Amino acid sequence: MEKVPVLPLALAELPAAVQRFCDPSGPAPARMMAAKGLVPVKGNDQITMLAQLSADAEPQVRAAALDTITKLPDALLLPACDAPLLAPILHFLARTLKNEEALGRLMANPATADATIAEVARVCAERISERIAVNEQRLLQAPEIIEALYMNRNTRMSTADRLIELAARNHLSLTGIPGFQAHVEALQGELIPEPSEEPLPQDAFFQQTLVEDKDENAFAEDKTQGLEEIKKQYKPLNMQIAEMRKGEKIRLAAVGNMAARAILVRDHNKQVSMAAVSGPQVTAGEAGDFAKSKEVSEEILRFIGNKKEWIKNAEVKHNLCFNPKTPVGISMRFISHLRMEELKALSKNRNVSAQLKSMAGQWITRKEKKG
């Protein structure tokens, strides 16, 4: 996919009618008059002129052009959003205009760059995402748009399923979607709904789950018994997730917050739990919490122990060593990184393997000899 188109354009690329008003070597007062809409240029040429001046070298000219274009009436702006203007002009309009109708028209405009649509698709409202998602030719031309829509929390769950099915049917491999292949497998044998004017019940259910989800660990440790228990406020979220289809869980792992990921990483389905731990939003702090859990699988602990960015974190290494479920081969790699007090505690820990305790004892002896 091409890069995002940017302004200013070369003077020769502009319509002849506006070139003299946008000439950076011309007098600034003339460009200021143009930026305020006080020159005899109308219609799409005026839109192009104002967009170009929004990238002028003079801050006052830029500000005036932005102010003018945002105050133009819909009768002038909306036709421009449908017109075959230059891609950087349409990109500027997509970033600048807050009118949802204007944005929808820009997304349907064949002259709009794929990169512009992908940028909008990452953050747009549901209505716009639906408009983008029905243009299958564009989606197949630029699969990055599919990835952007999928990762947008506002995109309907039914639409996300439809996008995954479209990609799989056309033999696309979407590396920008965590758990893509797992979601493809989850949809096998399922009936994929057609686009609809209103959200389906499953869409409302998924959105409600996102509302319940928060950016904190959903679990707490009982200090007296050392057991993990879900926090009271996240019990409804836990029940909602338990009712989800596999594909919904995989997408929630990608777009949800910490609370949802903390629940999903403990899921008995390996593809779901792996989607939760391998998502791009997972932090080293979260990885440390996962590494401490006795409820996650060995595969999750092995994944954490092999993630270069995370094993720089002292808490991650500590928790992996003290978790009896961590594969011994992983734990042994980090013993030399532990402090003396940690080594002593590990050598006396009744839950870890004898091999690990013995190795901790050897490192204690080494460090004591070094003084």
Protein backbone atom coordinates (compact mmCIF):
# COMPACT_ATOMS: atom_id res chain seq x y z
CA MET A 1 0.00 0.00 0.00
CA GLU A 2 1.25 3.46 -0.88
CA LYS A 3 2.26 5.97 1.79
CA VAL A 4 -0.23 8.45 3.19
CA PRO A 5 -0.41 11.36 0.71
CA VAL A 6 0.68 14.68 2.17
CA LEU A 7 0.49 18.39 1.36
CA PRO A 8 1.72 20.74 0.05
CA LEU A 9 1.61 19.69 -3.57
CA ALA A 10 4.00 20.97 -6.21
CA LEU A 11 2.56 24.12 -7.75
CA ALA A 12 2.33 22.48 -11.18
CA GLU A 13 0.01 19.78 -9.78
CA LEU A 14 -2.63 22.34 -8.80
CA PRO A 15 -5.41 23.61 -11.08
CA ALA A 16 -4.30 26.61 -13.10
CA ALA A 17 -7.03 28.75 -11.52
CA VAL A 18 -5.48 28.51 -8.04
CA GLN A 19 -1.75 28.39 -8.71
CA ARG A 20 -1.15 32.13 -8.35
CA PHE A 21 -2.96 32.20 -4.99
CA CYS A 22 -0.91 29.28 -3.64
CA ASP A 23 2.51 30.26 -4.97
CA PRO A 24 4.85 30.17 -1.94
CA SER A 25 7.11 32.73 -3.62
CA GLY A 26 4.21 35.15 -4.03
CA PRO A 27 3.21 37.85 -1.54
CA ALA A 28 1.95 36.55 1.80
CA PRO A 29 -0.97 39.05 1.91
CA ALA A 30 -2.33 37.54 -1.34
CA ARG A 31 -2.17 34.04 0.11
CA MET A 32 -3.86 35.30 3.26
CA MET A 33 -6.74 36.73 1.22
CA ALA A 34 -7.09 33.38 -0.54
CA ALA A 35 -6.99 31.53 2.80
CA LYS A 36 -9.88 33.69 4.00
CA GLY A 37 -11.90 32.90 0.88
CA LEU A 38 -11.68 36.45 -0.46
CA VAL A 39 -10.51 35.62 -3.99
CA PRO A 40 -12.63 34.69 -7.05
CA VAL A 41 -12.20 30.92 -6.80
CA LYS A 42 -15.22 28.69 -6.26
CA GLY A 43 -16.30 25.05 -6.08
CA ASN A 44 -13.76 22.24 -6.02
CA ASP A 45 -10.98 24.64 -6.97
CA GLN A 46 -11.63 26.56 -3.76
CA ILE A 47 -11.45 23.33 -1.73
CA THR A 48 -8.13 22.46 -3.39
CA MET A 49 -6.78 25.95 -2.80
CA LEU A 50 -7.70 25.97 0.90
CA ALA A 51 -6.27 22.49 1.41
CA GLN A 52 -2.99 23.55 -0.19
CA LEU A 53 -2.83 26.73 1.91
CA SER A 54 -3.42 24.69 5.07
CA ALA A 55 0.17 23.51 4.54
CA ASP A 56 1.56 26.98 3.81
CA ALA A 57 4.89 28.00 5.36
CA GLU A 58 3.21 30.95 7.14
CA PRO A 59 1.37 29.88 10.35
CA GLN A 60 -1.22 32.67 9.96
CA VAL A 61 -2.07 31.51 6.44
CA ARG A 62 -2.39 27.90 7.59
CA ALA A 63 -4.72 28.84 10.43
CA ALA A 64 -6.90 31.03 8.22
CA ALA A 65 -7.25 28.31 5.57
CA LEU A 66 -8.28 25.73 8.17
CA ASP A 67 -10.78 28.12 9.70
CA THR A 68 -12.31 28.90 6.31
CA ILE A 69 -12.65 25.34 5.10
CA THR A 70 -14.25 24.10 8.30
CA LYS A 71 -16.90 26.82 8.04
CA LEU A 72 -17.85 26.14 4.43
CA PRO A 73 -21.46 25.00 3.90
CA ASP A 74 -22.29 21.35 3.19
CA ALA A 75 -23.57 22.39 -0.22
CA LEU A 76 -19.96 23.10 -1.16
CA LEU A 77 -18.12 20.49 0.92
CA LEU A 78 -20.17 17.37 0.19
CA PRO A 79 -19.84 17.50 -3.62
CA ALA A 80 -16.07 17.93 -3.16
CA CYS A 81 -15.98 14.73 -1.11
CA ASP A 82 -17.46 12.87 -4.08
CA ALA A 83 -15.22 14.54 -6.67
CA PRO A 84 -12.07 13.03 -8.25
CA LEU A 85 -9.75 15.46 -6.49
CA LEU A 86 -6.06 14.74 -5.97
CA ALA A 87 -5.41 12.10 -3.28
CA PRO A 88 -3.58 14.50 -0.88
CA ILE A 89 -6.56 16.89 -1.00
CA LEU A 90 -8.98 14.08 -0.15
CA HIS A 91 -6.66 12.89 2.60
CA PHE A 92 -6.62 16.38 4.08
CA LEU A 93 -10.44 16.49 4.01
CA ALA A 94 -10.66 13.08 5.71
CA ARG A 95 -8.42 14.32 8.53
CA THR A 96 -10.08 17.71 8.86
CA LEU A 97 -13.82 17.39 8.37
CA LYS A 98 -15.87 16.26 11.37
CA ASN A 99 -19.06 15.83 9.34
CA GLU A 100 -19.90 12.10 9.30
CA GLU A 101 -21.71 12.38 5.98
CA ALA A 102 -18.64 14.00 4.42
CA LEU A 103 -16.38 11.30 5.82
CA GLY A 104 -18.67 8.57 4.51
CA ARG A 105 -18.56 10.06 1.03
CA LEU A 106 -14.78 10.31 1.14
CA MET A 107 -14.57 6.63 2.08
CA ALA A 108 -16.71 5.72 -0.95
CA ASN A 109 -14.76 7.96 -3.34
CA PRO A 110 -12.63 5.86 -5.76
CA ALA A 111 -10.06 8.69 -5.86
CA THR A 112 -9.39 8.46 -2.12
CA ALA A 113 -6.09 6.71 -1.43
CA ASP A 114 -6.05 3.28 0.21
CA ALA A 115 -3.75 4.67 2.89
CA THR A 116 -6.34 7.34 3.73
CA ILE A 117 -9.09 4.76 4.11
CA ALA A 118 -6.88 2.54 6.27
CA GLU A 119 -6.08 5.48 8.55
CA VAL A 120 -9.77 6.33 8.97
CA ALA A 121 -10.72 2.66 9.40
CA ARG A 122 -8.57 2.34 12.53
CA VAL A 123 -10.60 4.81 14.57
CA CYS A 124 -13.86 5.65 12.78
CA ALA A 125 -17.38 5.29 14.15
CA GLU A 126 -19.52 2.24 13.43
CA ARG A 127 -21.47 3.87 10.59
CA ILE A 128 -18.28 4.72 8.71
CA SER A 129 -16.74 1.31 9.32
CA GLU A 130 -19.84 -0.29 7.82
CA ARG A 131 -19.53 1.89 4.76
CA ILE A 132 -15.88 0.94 4.29
CA ALA A 133 -16.53 -2.75 4.90
CA VAL A 134 -18.98 -3.21 2.02
CA ASN A 135 -16.41 -2.20 -0.63
CA GLU A 136 -14.91 -5.67 -1.11
CA GLN A 137 -12.91 -4.64 -4.18
CA ARG A 138 -11.11 -1.97 -2.15
CA LEU A 139 -10.57 -4.35 0.77
CA LEU A 140 -8.97 -7.00 -1.42
CA GLN A 141 -6.87 -4.35 -3.15
CA ALA A 142 -5.54 -3.13 0.20
CA PRO A 143 -5.83 -5.83 2.92
CA GLU A 144 -4.39 -3.35 5.44
CA ILE A 145 -7.88 -1.82 5.48
CA ILE A 146 -9.32 -5.15 6.66
CA GLU A 147 -6.73 -5.24 9.44
CA ALA A 148 -7.56 -1.67 10.46
CA LEU A 149 -11.30 -2.35 10.58
CA TYR A 150 -10.83 -5.54 12.58
CA MET A 151 -8.72 -3.76 15.20
CA ASN A 152 -11.20 -0.88 15.48
CA ARG A 153 -13.33 -1.43 18.60
CA ASN A 154 -16.26 0.32 16.91
CA THR A 155 -16.47 -2.23 14.08
CA ARG A 156 -19.35 -4.64 14.57
CA MET A 157 -18.47 -8.21 15.53
CA SER A 158 -20.57 -9.57 12.67
CA THR A 159 -18.64 -7.32 10.28
CA ALA A 160 -15.32 -8.54 11.69
CA ASP A 161 -16.43 -12.14 11.05
CA ARG A 162 -17.42 -11.23 7.51
CA LEU A 163 -14.04 -9.58 6.90
CA ILE A 164 -12.17 -12.64 8.16
CA GLU A 165 -14.26 -14.88 5.90
CA LEU A 166 -13.62 -12.60 2.91
CA ALA A 167 -9.88 -12.68 3.53
CA ALA A 168 -9.80 -16.46 3.95
CA ARG A 169 -11.92 -17.04 0.83
CA ASN A 170 -9.45 -14.95 -1.17
CA HIS A 171 -6.39 -16.67 0.34
CA LEU A 172 -5.11 -13.61 2.17
CA SER A 173 -2.87 -13.91 5.22
CA LEU A 174 -3.40 -10.92 7.49
CA THR A 175 -0.36 -10.56 9.73
CA GLY A 176 -1.79 -7.37 11.25
CA ILE A 177 -4.55 -9.36 12.98
CA PRO A 178 -3.43 -11.32 16.05
CA GLY A 179 -4.89 -14.81 15.91
CA PHE A 180 -6.02 -14.42 12.30
CA GLN A 181 -5.68 -18.09 11.40
CA ALA A 182 -7.39 -19.13 14.63
CA HIS A 183 -10.33 -16.86 13.81
CA VAL A 184 -10.51 -18.35 10.30
CA GLU A 185 -10.73 -21.83 11.83
CA ALA A 186 -13.34 -20.67 14.34
CA LEU A 187 -15.65 -19.58 11.51
CA GLN A 188 -15.60 -22.91 9.71
CA GLY A 189 -19.13 -24.25 9.53
CA GLU A 190 -20.66 -21.02 10.84
CA LEU A 191 -23.24 -18.98 8.95
CA ILE A 192 -21.78 -15.55 8.16
CA PRO A 193 -24.48 -12.85 8.29
CA GLU A 194 -24.98 -10.43 5.42
CA PRO A 195 -24.48 -6.68 5.99
CA SER A 196 -27.45 -5.09 7.76
CA GLU A 197 -28.68 -1.60 8.49
CA GLU A 198 -28.87 -2.22 12.24
CA PRO A 199 -26.45 -4.09 14.52
CA LEU A 200 -27.27 -7.72 15.24
CA PRO A 201 -27.81 -9.02 18.81
CA GLN A 202 -24.29 -10.48 18.78
CA ASP A 203 -22.91 -7.04 17.89
CA ALA A 204 -24.67 -5.42 20.84
CA PHE A 205 -23.43 -8.24 23.12
CA PHE A 206 -19.83 -7.74 22.02
CA GLN A 207 -20.01 -3.96 22.46
CA GLN A 208 -21.46 -4.40 25.95
CA THR A 209 -18.53 -6.65 26.82
CA LEU A 210 -16.14 -3.90 25.73
CA VAL A 211 -17.99 -1.47 28.02
CA GLU A 212 -17.55 -3.82 31.00
CA ASP A 213 -13.86 -4.29 30.21
CA LYS A 214 -11.37 -2.00 31.98
CA ASP A 215 -7.63 -1.40 31.80
CA GLU A 216 -6.61 -3.28 34.95
CA ASN A 217 -5.98 -6.86 36.01
CA ALA A 218 -9.28 -8.66 36.61
CA PHE A 219 -7.68 -11.00 39.16
CA ALA A 220 -6.39 -10.57 42.70
CA GLU A 221 -4.34 -12.93 44.85
CA ASP A 222 -5.58 -14.16 48.19
CA LYS A 223 -2.46 -13.48 50.29
CA THR A 224 -3.40 -16.01 52.99
CA GLN A 225 -3.97 -19.00 50.71
CA GLY A 226 -2.12 -17.86 47.61
CA LEU A 227 -5.13 -18.46 45.39
CA GLU A 228 -6.18 -16.31 42.45
CA GLU A 229 -9.71 -15.02 42.40
CA ILE A 230 -11.52 -12.75 40.01
CA LYS A 231 -12.37 -9.34 41.40
CA LYS A 232 -16.03 -8.83 42.22
CA GLN A 233 -16.51 -6.06 39.65
CA TYR A 234 -15.30 -8.35 36.85
CA LYS A 235 -17.52 -11.34 37.56
CA PRO A 236 -20.16 -10.10 35.06
CA LEU A 237 -17.42 -9.67 32.44
CA ASN A 238 -16.15 -13.19 33.16
CA MET A 239 -19.67 -14.58 32.62
CA GLN A 240 -20.09 -12.66 29.37
CA ILE A 241 -16.80 -13.95 28.03
CA ALA A 242 -17.73 -17.51 29.00
CA GLU A 243 -20.79 -17.23 26.72
CA MET A 244 -18.80 -16.01 23.71
CA ARG A 245 -18.04 -17.96 20.57
CA LYS A 246 -14.40 -18.78 19.92
CA GLY A 247 -14.11 -16.14 17.20
CA GLU A 248 -15.51 -13.47 19.52
CA LYS A 249 -12.97 -14.39 22.20
CA ILE A 250 -10.11 -14.17 19.72
CA ARG A 251 -11.18 -10.70 18.57
CA LEU A 252 -11.74 -9.55 22.15
CA ALA A 253 -8.17 -10.62 22.91
CA ALA A 254 -7.03 -8.28 20.13
CA VAL A 255 -9.18 -5.22 20.86
CA GLY A 256 -10.05 -5.58 24.53
CA ASN A 257 -8.37 -4.14 27.61
CA MET A 258 -6.33 -5.71 30.41
CA ALA A 259 -9.29 -7.17 32.29
CA ALA A 260 -10.50 -9.14 29.26
CA ARG A 261 -6.99 -10.33 28.42
CA ALA A 262 -6.46 -11.51 32.00
CA ILE A 263 -9.57 -13.69 31.67
CA LEU A 264 -8.85 -14.88 28.14
CA VAL A 265 -5.24 -15.87 28.82
CA ARG A 266 -6.65 -18.44 31.29
CA ASP A 267 -9.06 -19.88 28.69
CA HIS A 268 -8.83 -23.63 28.17
CA ASN A 269 -8.74 -23.19 24.40
CA LYS A 270 -5.07 -22.81 23.44
CA GLN A 271 -5.79 -20.56 20.45
CA VAL A 272 -7.79 -18.15 22.60
CA SER A 273 -5.21 -17.99 25.39
CA MET A 274 -2.39 -17.54 22.89
CA ALA A 275 -4.29 -14.73 21.17
CA ALA A 276 -4.58 -13.03 24.56
CA VAL A 277 -0.87 -13.20 25.39
CA SER A 278 0.44 -12.42 21.91
CA GLY A 279 -1.61 -9.30 21.16
CA PRO A 280 0.19 -6.02 20.39
CA GLN A 281 -1.30 -4.25 23.42
CA VAL A 282 0.14 -6.63 26.03
CA THR A 283 2.70 -4.87 28.23
CA ALA A 284 5.62 -6.28 30.21
CA GLY A 285 3.62 -5.53 33.36
CA GLU A 286 0.76 -7.71 32.15
CA ALA A 287 3.22 -10.41 31.14
CA GLY A 288 4.51 -10.33 34.71
CA ASP A 289 1.00 -10.92 36.03
CA PHE A 290 0.47 -13.78 33.57
CA ALA A 291 3.82 -15.32 34.52
CA LYS A 292 2.75 -15.40 38.16
CA SER A 293 -0.52 -17.19 37.50
CA LYS A 294 -0.93 -20.88 38.27
CA GLU A 295 -3.99 -20.95 36.00
CA VAL A 296 -2.25 -20.26 32.70
CA SER A 297 -0.86 -23.08 30.58
CA GLU A 298 2.76 -24.09 30.11
CA GLU A 299 2.52 -22.85 26.51
CA ILE A 300 1.72 -19.34 27.74
CA LEU A 301 4.61 -19.37 30.21
CA ARG A 302 6.97 -20.65 27.51
CA PHE A 303 5.82 -17.86 25.17
CA ILE A 304 6.49 -15.24 27.87
CA GLY A 305 9.90 -16.72 28.62
CA ASN A 306 10.91 -16.46 24.98
CA LYS A 307 9.72 -12.88 24.43
CA LYS A 308 12.87 -10.75 24.32
CA GLU A 309 11.12 -7.48 25.22
CA TRP A 310 9.51 -8.96 28.32
CA ILE A 311 12.38 -10.92 29.82
CA LYS A 312 14.27 -7.67 30.30
CA ASN A 313 11.76 -7.05 33.09
CA ALA A 314 12.94 -8.30 36.50
CA GLU A 315 9.39 -9.08 37.69
CA VAL A 316 8.74 -11.29 34.66
CA LYS A 317 11.89 -13.31 35.32
CA HIS A 318 11.13 -13.56 39.05
CA ASN A 319 7.59 -14.79 38.47
CA LEU A 320 8.63 -17.33 35.87
CA CYS A 321 11.19 -18.81 38.25
CA PHE A 322 8.74 -19.03 41.15
CA ASN A 323 5.83 -20.41 39.14
CA PRO A 324 5.86 -24.23 39.44
CA LYS A 325 4.08 -24.53 36.08
CA THR A 326 6.91 -22.84 34.18
CA PRO A 327 8.86 -25.38 32.10
CA VAL A 328 12.16 -26.04 33.87
CA GLY A 329 14.16 -25.19 30.76
CA ILE A 330 12.68 -21.68 30.84
CA SER A 331 13.13 -21.13 34.59
CA MET A 332 16.77 -22.30 34.57
CA ARG A 333 17.69 -19.57 32.07
CA PHE A 334 16.79 -16.83 34.54
CA ILE A 335 18.20 -18.12 37.85
CA SER A 336 21.47 -16.28 37.34
CA HIS A 337 19.50 -13.02 37.08
CA LEU A 338 17.95 -13.35 40.54
CA ARG A 339 19.15 -11.40 43.58
CA MET A 340 20.57 -13.24 46.60
CA GLU A 341 17.36 -12.95 48.64
CA GLU A 342 15.37 -14.31 45.69
CA LEU A 343 17.76 -17.24 45.29
CA LYS A 344 17.45 -18.11 48.97
CA ALA A 345 13.66 -17.99 48.78
CA LEU A 346 13.67 -20.14 45.63
CA SER A 347 15.99 -22.74 47.19
CA LYS A 348 13.46 -23.21 50.02
CA ASN A 349 10.33 -23.08 47.87
CA ARG A 350 8.30 -26.29 48.25
CA ASN A 351 6.38 -25.87 45.01
CA VAL A 352 9.16 -25.63 42.42
CA SER A 353 11.12 -28.62 41.10
CA ALA A 354 14.05 -30.12 42.99
CA GLN A 355 16.26 -29.38 40.00
CA LEU A 356 15.43 -25.68 40.19
CA LYS A 357 15.98 -25.55 43.97
CA SER A 358 19.34 -27.27 43.56
CA MET A 359 20.42 -24.80 40.88
CA ALA A 360 19.37 -21.91 43.12
CA GLY A 361 21.54 -23.35 45.87
CA GLN A 362 24.52 -23.57 43.54
CA TRP A 363 24.14 -19.92 42.59
CA ILE A 364 23.96 -18.94 46.25
CA THR A 365 27.28 -20.69 46.83
CA ARG A 366 28.87 -18.98 43.81
CA LYS A 367 27.75 -15.54 44.91
CA GLU A 368 28.87 -16.08 48.51
CA LYS A 369 32.35 -17.10 47.30
CA LYS A 370 32.58 -13.96 45.17
CA GLY A 371 31.65 -11.95 48.24
